[in-house]
Amino acid sequence: MKETDLYQPVKTFLEGQGYVVKSEVGAADVVAIRGAEAPVIVELKLAFSLALFHQGVARLGVSDDVYLAVAHKPGKRFAKSVKDNVKLARRLGLGLIVVRVSDGLVTVQCDPGPYAPRKSKKRSDHLLREFAKRQGDPNDGGQTRQGLVTAYRQDAMKVAVFLFEIGASKGADVARETGVAQATRMMRDDHYGWFEKVEKGIYGLSPKGAEAVTQAGKLLGS
């Protein structure tokens, strides 16, 4: 497949909307004109790339109606990349088109124009709660999610340290002494494999939990 394979489907699509379409006009891959309206510019690429977005932003200096067109690919990975790149295109004021070369189908994913993303109060509140609850700064910026120290993990370690020092205990006692209100639920859910149920309402530390306690310094933000 070549980038030129995208041109005819895009041209046919735009001509169907009353545009006169020509390719390689100036620096633009595709230019479409309809009456006295501002030109529509389309940049063609086989796949998403930073260079494609750079080109699109540069064309905004000529017209407000700039689209990026990429070739369709089968599979969930491509569908996810389209979703992610639609968000980026909207942020930049660009339109996005997907072209299925096999049958010439052109799908407009978003149109160019100003974009003001909606803020999620729920996500914002969650971010602030996590920041406030986390002790110290135990992670390295840019690390992967695996092994990330969260406030939940720090609370679980407080519970593990208590059980390591005191022994198997009632959930209510653990919650009171550690200040971890959800201690009973945390031990019952046992996301990290650190706890084990001794009898009803009483939990102890598993061998894995005892091993984790020896590395508690970073988890507790010290």
C-alpha atoms as a PDB file:
ATOM      1  CA  MET A   1       0.000   0.000   0.000  1.00  0.00           C
ATOM      2  CA  LYS A   2       1.156   3.519  -0.827  1.00  0.00           C
ATOM      3  CA  GLU A   3       0.012   6.931   0.402  1.00  0.00           C
ATOM      4  CA  THR A   4      -1.223   7.652  -3.111  1.00  0.00           C
ATOM      5  CA  ASP A   5      -3.745   4.803  -2.670  1.00  0.00           C
ATOM      6  CA  LEU A   6      -5.615   7.024  -0.205  1.00  0.00           C
ATOM      7  CA  TYR A   7      -6.050   9.884  -2.644  1.00  0.00           C
ATOM      8  CA  GLN A   8      -8.784   8.592  -4.939  1.00  0.00           C
ATOM      9  CA  PRO A   9     -11.175   7.531  -2.133  1.00  0.00           C
ATOM     10  CA  VAL A  10     -10.686  10.913  -0.408  1.00  0.00           C
ATOM     11  CA  LYS A  11     -11.174  12.793  -3.698  1.00  0.00           C
ATOM     12  CA  THR A  12     -14.341  10.863  -4.503  1.00  0.00           C
ATOM     13  CA  PHE A  13     -15.683  11.494  -1.012  1.00  0.00           C
ATOM     14  CA  LEU A  14     -15.090  15.258  -1.214  1.00  0.00           C
ATOM     15  CA  GLU A  15     -16.394  15.541  -4.758  1.00  0.00           C
ATOM     16  CA  GLY A  16     -19.577  13.899  -3.549  1.00  0.00           C
ATOM     17  CA  GLN A  17     -20.012  16.907  -1.272  1.00  0.00           C
ATOM     18  CA  GLY A  18     -19.618  19.400  -4.080  1.00  0.00           C
ATOM     19  CA  TYR A  19     -15.896  20.151  -3.808  1.00  0.00           C
ATOM     20  CA  VAL A  20     -13.419  20.559  -6.643  1.00  0.00           C
ATOM     21  CA  VAL A  21     -10.415  18.511  -5.565  1.00  0.00           C
ATOM     22  CA  LYS A  22      -6.759  18.674  -6.618  1.00  0.00           C
ATOM     23  CA  SER A  23      -3.662  16.964  -5.248  1.00  0.00           C
ATOM     24  CA  GLU A  24      -0.183  18.228  -4.331  1.00  0.00           C
ATOM     25  CA  VAL A  25      -1.071  21.917  -4.295  1.00  0.00           C
ATOM     26  CA  GLY A  26       1.758  23.776  -2.627  1.00  0.00           C
ATOM     27  CA  ALA A  27       2.798  21.816   0.466  1.00  0.00           C
ATOM     28  CA  ALA A  28      -0.642  20.183   0.893  1.00  0.00           C
ATOM     29  CA  ASP A  29      -1.410  16.619  -0.194  1.00  0.00           C
ATOM     30  CA  VAL A  30      -5.037  17.408  -1.036  1.00  0.00           C
ATOM     31  CA  VAL A  31      -6.901  20.701  -1.464  1.00  0.00           C
ATOM     32  CA  ALA A  32     -10.665  20.918  -1.936  1.00  0.00           C
ATOM     33  CA  ILE A  33     -12.574  24.096  -2.874  1.00  0.00           C
ATOM     34  CA  ARG A  34     -16.336  24.687  -2.807  1.00  0.00           C
ATOM     35  CA  GLY A  35     -17.516  28.100  -3.943  1.00  0.00           C
ATOM     36  CA  ALA A  36     -16.261  30.962  -1.804  1.00  0.00           C
ATOM     37  CA  GLU A  37     -15.669  28.742   1.256  1.00  0.00           C
ATOM     38  CA  ALA A  38     -12.250  28.392   2.863  1.00  0.00           C
ATOM     39  CA  PRO A  39     -10.209  25.534   1.369  1.00  0.00           C
ATOM     40  CA  VAL A  40     -10.305  22.078   2.915  1.00  0.00           C
ATOM     41  CA  ILE A  41      -6.843  20.560   3.252  1.00  0.00           C
ATOM     42  CA  VAL A  42      -6.172  16.857   3.769  1.00  0.00           C
ATOM     43  CA  GLU A  43      -2.826  15.317   4.669  1.00  0.00           C
ATOM     44  CA  LEU A  44      -2.449  11.651   3.731  1.00  0.00           C
ATOM     45  CA  LYS A  45      -0.452   9.052   5.654  1.00  0.00           C
ATOM     46  CA  LEU A  46      -0.577   5.272   5.884  1.00  0.00           C
ATOM     47  CA  ALA A  47      -0.334   5.369   9.689  1.00  0.00           C
ATOM     48  CA  PHE A  48      -0.453   7.732  12.624  1.00  0.00           C
ATOM     49  CA  SER A  49       2.781   9.539  13.398  1.00  0.00           C
ATOM     50  CA  LEU A  50       3.984  12.670  15.102  1.00  0.00           C
ATOM     51  CA  ALA A  51       5.072  13.967  11.683  1.00  0.00           C
ATOM     52  CA  LEU A  52       1.471  13.712  10.467  1.00  0.00           C
ATOM     53  CA  PHE A  53       0.234  15.885  13.310  1.00  0.00           C
ATOM     54  CA  HIS A  54       3.078  18.341  12.696  1.00  0.00           C
ATOM     55  CA  GLN A  55       1.963  18.641   9.074  1.00  0.00           C
ATOM     56  CA  GLY A  56      -1.640  19.150  10.100  1.00  0.00           C
ATOM     57  CA  VAL A  57      -0.745  21.918  12.547  1.00  0.00           C
ATOM     58  CA  ALA A  58       1.377  23.606   9.877  1.00  0.00           C
ATOM     59  CA  ARG A  59      -1.579  23.578   7.443  1.00  0.00           C
ATOM     60  CA  LEU A  60      -3.717  25.388  10.022  1.00  0.00           C
ATOM     61  CA  GLY A  61      -1.697  28.440   9.029  1.00  0.00           C
ATOM     62  CA  VAL A  62      -3.443  28.250   5.632  1.00  0.00           C
ATOM     63  CA  SER A  63      -6.965  27.105   6.532  1.00  0.00           C
ATOM     64  CA  ASP A  64      -9.025  26.244   9.600  1.00  0.00           C
ATOM     65  CA  ASP A  65     -10.410  23.168   7.803  1.00  0.00           C
ATOM     66  CA  VAL A  66      -7.562  20.661   7.956  1.00  0.00           C
ATOM     67  CA  TYR A  67      -8.024  16.882   8.047  1.00  0.00           C
ATOM     68  CA  LEU A  68      -5.562  14.065   8.641  1.00  0.00           C
ATOM     69  CA  ALA A  69      -6.311  10.889   6.663  1.00  0.00           C
ATOM     70  CA  VAL A  70      -4.864   7.475   7.534  1.00  0.00           C
ATOM     71  CA  ALA A  71      -5.344   3.997   6.106  1.00  0.00           C
ATOM     72  CA  HIS A  72      -7.701   1.668   7.918  1.00  0.00           C
ATOM     73  CA  LYS A  73      -6.241  -1.470   9.470  1.00  0.00           C
ATOM     74  CA  PRO A  74      -8.146  -4.411  10.960  1.00  0.00           C
ATOM     75  CA  GLY A  75      -7.994  -5.262  14.635  1.00  0.00           C
ATOM     76  CA  LYS A  76      -8.560  -3.810  18.077  1.00  0.00           C
ATOM     77  CA  ARG A  77      -5.129  -2.194  18.232  1.00  0.00           C
ATOM     78  CA  PHE A  78      -5.925   0.097  15.313  1.00  0.00           C
ATOM     79  CA  ALA A  79      -9.394   0.865  16.696  1.00  0.00           C
ATOM     80  CA  LYS A  80      -7.802   1.966  19.972  1.00  0.00           C
ATOM     81  CA  SER A  81      -5.224   4.095  18.163  1.00  0.00           C
ATOM     82  CA  VAL A  82      -8.039   5.830  16.278  1.00  0.00           C
ATOM     83  CA  LYS A  83      -9.829   6.595  19.530  1.00  0.00           C
ATOM     84  CA  ASP A  84      -6.666   7.979  21.126  1.00  0.00           C
ATOM     85  CA  ASN A  85      -5.696  10.041  18.081  1.00  0.00           C
ATOM     86  CA  VAL A  86      -9.184  11.495  17.724  1.00  0.00           C
ATOM     87  CA  LYS A  87      -8.676  13.032  21.164  1.00  0.00           C
ATOM     88  CA  LEU A  88      -5.344  14.491  20.065  1.00  0.00           C
ATOM     89  CA  ALA A  89      -6.731  15.762  16.769  1.00  0.00           C
ATOM     90  CA  ARG A  90      -9.595  17.519  18.547  1.00  0.00           C
ATOM     91  CA  ARG A  91      -7.186  19.140  20.980  1.00  0.00           C
ATOM     92  CA  LEU A  92      -5.252  20.538  18.031  1.00  0.00           C
ATOM     93  CA  GLY A  93      -8.336  21.651  16.113  1.00  0.00           C
ATOM     94  CA  LEU A  94      -7.797  19.067  13.352  1.00  0.00           C
ATOM     95  CA  GLY A  95     -10.194  16.689  11.649  1.00  0.00           C
ATOM     96  CA  LEU A  96      -9.496  12.968  11.269  1.00  0.00           C
ATOM     97  CA  ILE A  97     -10.447  10.617   8.439  1.00  0.00           C
ATOM     98  CA  VAL A  98      -9.971   6.853   8.124  1.00  0.00           C
ATOM     99  CA  VAL A  99      -9.789   5.381   4.612  1.00  0.00           C
ATOM    100  CA  ARG A 100     -10.471   1.722   3.897  1.00  0.00           C
ATOM    101  CA  VAL A 101      -8.531   1.254   0.695  1.00  0.00           C
ATOM    102  CA  SER A 102     -10.033  -2.172  -0.107  1.00  0.00           C
ATOM    103  CA  ASP A 103     -13.429  -0.678  -0.968  1.00  0.00           C
ATOM    104  CA  GLY A 104     -12.800   3.087  -0.829  1.00  0.00           C
ATOM    105  CA  LEU A 105     -14.869   3.658   2.291  1.00  0.00           C
ATOM    106  CA  VAL A 106     -14.079   7.025   3.909  1.00  0.00           C
ATOM    107  CA  THR A 107     -15.119   7.588   7.528  1.00  0.00           C
ATOM    108  CA  VAL A 108     -14.863  10.998   9.180  1.00  0.00           C
ATOM    109  CA  GLN A 109     -13.929  10.408  12.819  1.00  0.00           C
ATOM    110  CA  CYS A 110     -14.020  14.081  13.803  1.00  0.00           C
ATOM    111  CA  ASP A 111     -14.233  17.498  12.138  1.00  0.00           C
ATOM    112  CA  PRO A 112     -11.823  20.388  12.688  1.00  0.00           C
ATOM    113  CA  GLY A 113     -12.726  23.173  15.081  1.00  0.00           C
ATOM    114  CA  PRO A 114     -12.230  24.547  18.588  1.00  0.00           C
ATOM    115  CA  TYR A 115     -12.378  21.923  21.302  1.00  0.00           C
ATOM    116  CA  ALA A 116     -12.873  22.334  25.045  1.00  0.00           C
ATOM    117  CA  PRO A 117     -12.597  18.951  26.814  1.00  0.00           C
ATOM    118  CA  ARG A 118     -15.030  18.260  29.625  1.00  0.00           C
ATOM    119  CA  LYS A 119     -13.403  17.939  33.001  1.00  0.00           C
ATOM    120  CA  SER A 120     -14.290  14.929  35.134  1.00  0.00           C
ATOM    121  CA  LYS A 121     -14.905  15.984  38.739  1.00  0.00           C
ATOM    122  CA  LYS A 122     -14.851  12.330  39.779  1.00  0.00           C
ATOM    123  CA  ARG A 123     -11.383  11.793  38.308  1.00  0.00           C
ATOM    124  CA  SER A 124     -10.145  15.099  39.685  1.00  0.00           C
ATOM    125  CA  ASP A 125     -11.380  14.231  43.184  1.00  0.00           C
ATOM    126  CA  HIS A 126      -9.774  10.770  42.957  1.00  0.00           C
ATOM    127  CA  LEU A 127      -6.453  12.342  41.953  1.00  0.00           C
ATOM    128  CA  LEU A 128      -6.521  14.779  44.869  1.00  0.00           C
ATOM    129  CA  ARG A 129      -7.521  12.065  47.371  1.00  0.00           C
ATOM    130  CA  GLU A 130      -4.692   9.805  46.222  1.00  0.00           C
ATOM    131  CA  PHE A 131      -2.221  12.697  46.476  1.00  0.00           C
ATOM    132  CA  ALA A 132      -3.372  13.590  49.995  1.00  0.00           C
ATOM    133  CA  LYS A 133      -3.368  10.007  51.307  1.00  0.00           C
ATOM    134  CA  ARG A 134      -0.018   8.955  49.884  1.00  0.00           C
ATOM    135  CA  GLN A 135       2.861   9.218  52.336  1.00  0.00           C
ATOM    136  CA  GLY A 136       6.033  10.762  50.970  1.00  0.00           C
ATOM    137  CA  ASP A 137       7.012  10.346  47.311  1.00  0.00           C
ATOM    138  CA  PRO A 138       7.852   6.627  46.976  1.00  0.00           C
ATOM    139  CA  ASN A 139       7.738   6.270  43.174  1.00  0.00           C
ATOM    140  CA  ASP A 140      10.066   7.310  40.368  1.00  0.00           C
ATOM    141  CA  GLY A 141       8.364   9.575  37.827  1.00  0.00           C
ATOM    142  CA  GLY A 142       7.838   7.733  34.533  1.00  0.00           C
ATOM    143  CA  GLN A 143       7.924   4.191  35.922  1.00  0.00           C
ATOM    144  CA  THR A 144       5.478   1.569  34.736  1.00  0.00           C
ATOM    145  CA  ARG A 145       2.270   0.804  36.629  1.00  0.00           C
ATOM    146  CA  GLN A 146       3.704  -2.534  37.803  1.00  0.00           C
ATOM    147  CA  GLY A 147       5.011  -2.194  41.335  1.00  0.00           C
ATOM    148  CA  LEU A 148       3.639   1.336  41.710  1.00  0.00           C
ATOM    149  CA  VAL A 149       3.267   2.406  45.333  1.00  0.00           C
ATOM    150  CA  THR A 150      -0.245   3.750  45.900  1.00  0.00           C
ATOM    151  CA  ALA A 151      -1.944   5.005  49.047  1.00  0.00           C
ATOM    152  CA  TYR A 152      -3.857   1.690  49.142  1.00  0.00           C
ATOM    153  CA  ARG A 153      -0.612  -0.277  49.018  1.00  0.00           C
ATOM    154  CA  GLN A 154       0.866   1.888  51.772  1.00  0.00           C
ATOM    155  CA  ASP A 155      -2.195   1.235  53.973  1.00  0.00           C
ATOM    156  CA  ALA A 156      -1.900  -2.493  53.278  1.00  0.00           C
ATOM    157  CA  MET A 157       1.726  -2.357  54.391  1.00  0.00           C
ATOM    158  CA  LYS A 158       0.760  -0.588  57.636  1.00  0.00           C
ATOM    159  CA  VAL A 159      -1.597  -3.470  58.334  1.00  0.00           C
ATOM    160  CA  ALA A 160       1.084  -6.030  57.421  1.00  0.00           C
ATOM    161  CA  VAL A 161       3.643  -4.403  59.722  1.00  0.00           C
ATOM    162  CA  PHE A 162       1.129  -4.418  62.590  1.00  0.00           C
ATOM    163  CA  LEU A 163       0.406  -8.124  62.093  1.00  0.00           C
ATOM    164  CA  PHE A 164       4.135  -8.846  61.819  1.00  0.00           C
ATOM    165  CA  GLU A 165       4.756  -7.197  65.189  1.00  0.00           C
ATOM    166  CA  ILE A 166       1.573  -8.183  67.085  1.00  0.00           C
ATOM    167  CA  GLY A 167       0.422 -11.376  65.398  1.00  0.00           C
ATOM    168  CA  ALA A 168      -3.007 -12.448  64.165  1.00  0.00           C
ATOM    169  CA  SER A 169      -5.633  -9.931  65.234  1.00  0.00           C
ATOM    170  CA  LYS A 170      -9.265  -8.909  64.870  1.00  0.00           C
ATOM    171  CA  GLY A 171      -9.979  -6.594  61.994  1.00  0.00           C
ATOM    172  CA  ALA A 172     -11.455  -3.944  64.296  1.00  0.00           C
ATOM    173  CA  ASP A 173      -8.301  -3.932  66.432  1.00  0.00           C
ATOM    174  CA  VAL A 174      -6.070  -3.609  63.377  1.00  0.00           C
ATOM    175  CA  ALA A 175      -8.151  -0.705  62.071  1.00  0.00           C
ATOM    176  CA  ARG A 176      -8.023   1.113  65.396  1.00  0.00           C
ATOM    177  CA  GLU A 177      -4.300   0.675  65.984  1.00  0.00           C
ATOM    178  CA  THR A 178      -3.138   1.408  62.422  1.00  0.00           C
ATOM    179  CA  GLY A 179      -5.625   4.120  61.526  1.00  0.00           C
ATOM    180  CA  VAL A 180      -6.556   2.168  58.374  1.00  0.00           C
ATOM    181  CA  ALA A 181     -10.361   2.287  58.458  1.00  0.00           C
ATOM    182  CA  GLN A 182     -10.766  -0.384  55.761  1.00  0.00           C
ATOM    183  CA  ALA A 183      -8.317  -2.828  57.369  1.00  0.00           C
ATOM    184  CA  THR A 184     -10.805  -5.710  57.657  1.00  0.00           C
ATOM    185  CA  ARG A 185     -11.918  -5.410  54.043  1.00  0.00           C
ATOM    186  CA  MET A 186      -8.330  -5.007  52.917  1.00  0.00           C
ATOM    187  CA  MET A 187      -7.268  -8.220  54.650  1.00  0.00           C
ATOM    188  CA  ARG A 188     -10.314 -10.058  53.334  1.00  0.00           C
ATOM    189  CA  ASP A 189      -9.764  -8.929  49.717  1.00  0.00           C
ATOM    190  CA  ASP A 190      -6.011  -9.640  50.030  1.00  0.00           C
ATOM    191  CA  HIS A 191      -4.946  -8.093  46.706  1.00  0.00           C
ATOM    192  CA  TYR A 192      -1.247  -8.647  47.373  1.00  0.00           C
ATOM    193  CA  GLY A 193      -1.339 -12.101  48.974  1.00  0.00           C
ATOM    194  CA  TRP A 194      -0.045 -10.711  52.269  1.00  0.00           C
ATOM    195  CA  PHE A 195      -2.857 -11.850  54.569  1.00  0.00           C
ATOM    196  CA  GLU A 196      -4.556 -15.063  55.569  1.00  0.00           C
ATOM    197  CA  LYS A 197      -7.726 -15.731  57.520  1.00  0.00           C
ATOM    198  CA  VAL A 198      -7.099 -17.519  60.822  1.00  0.00           C
ATOM    199  CA  GLU A 199     -10.713 -17.706  61.944  1.00  0.00           C
ATOM    200  CA  LYS A 200     -13.845 -15.611  61.592  1.00  0.00           C
ATOM    201  CA  GLY A 201     -12.920 -11.925  61.848  1.00  0.00           C
ATOM    202  CA  ILE A 202      -9.264 -12.674  62.656  1.00  0.00           C
ATOM    203  CA  TYR A 203      -6.425 -12.367  60.166  1.00  0.00           C
ATOM    204  CA  GLY A 204      -2.721 -13.075  60.228  1.00  0.00           C
ATOM    205  CA  LEU A 205       0.269 -12.444  57.973  1.00  0.00           C
ATOM    206  CA  SER A 206       1.141 -14.848  55.157  1.00  0.00           C
ATOM    207  CA  PRO A 207       4.773 -15.806  54.384  1.00  0.00           C
ATOM    208  CA  LYS A 208       4.614 -13.478  51.368  1.00  0.00           C
ATOM    209  CA  GLY A 209       3.414 -10.681  53.631  1.00  0.00           C
ATOM    210  CA  ALA A 210       6.212 -11.288  56.114  1.00  0.00           C
ATOM    211  CA  GLU A 211       8.731 -11.058  53.281  1.00  0.00           C
ATOM    212  CA  ALA A 212       7.157  -7.810  52.063  1.00  0.00           C
ATOM    213  CA  VAL A 213       7.477  -6.239  55.511  1.00  0.00           C
ATOM    214  CA  THR A 214      11.277  -6.365  55.187  1.00  0.00           C
ATOM    215  CA  GLN A 215      10.951  -3.911  52.295  1.00  0.00           C
ATOM    216  CA  ALA A 216       8.443  -1.672  54.040  1.00  0.00           C
ATOM    217  CA  GLY A 217      10.610   1.468  54.113  1.00  0.00           C
ATOM    218  CA  LYS A 218       9.816   2.684  50.597  1.00  0.00           C
ATOM    219  CA  LEU A 219       6.173   1.637  50.749  1.00  0.00           C
ATOM    220  CA  LEU A 220       5.631   3.732  53.842  1.00  0.00           C
ATOM    221  CA  GLY A 221       7.302   6.759  52.290  1.00  0.00           C
ATOM    222  CA  SER A 222      10.405   6.728  54.499  1.00  0.00           C
END
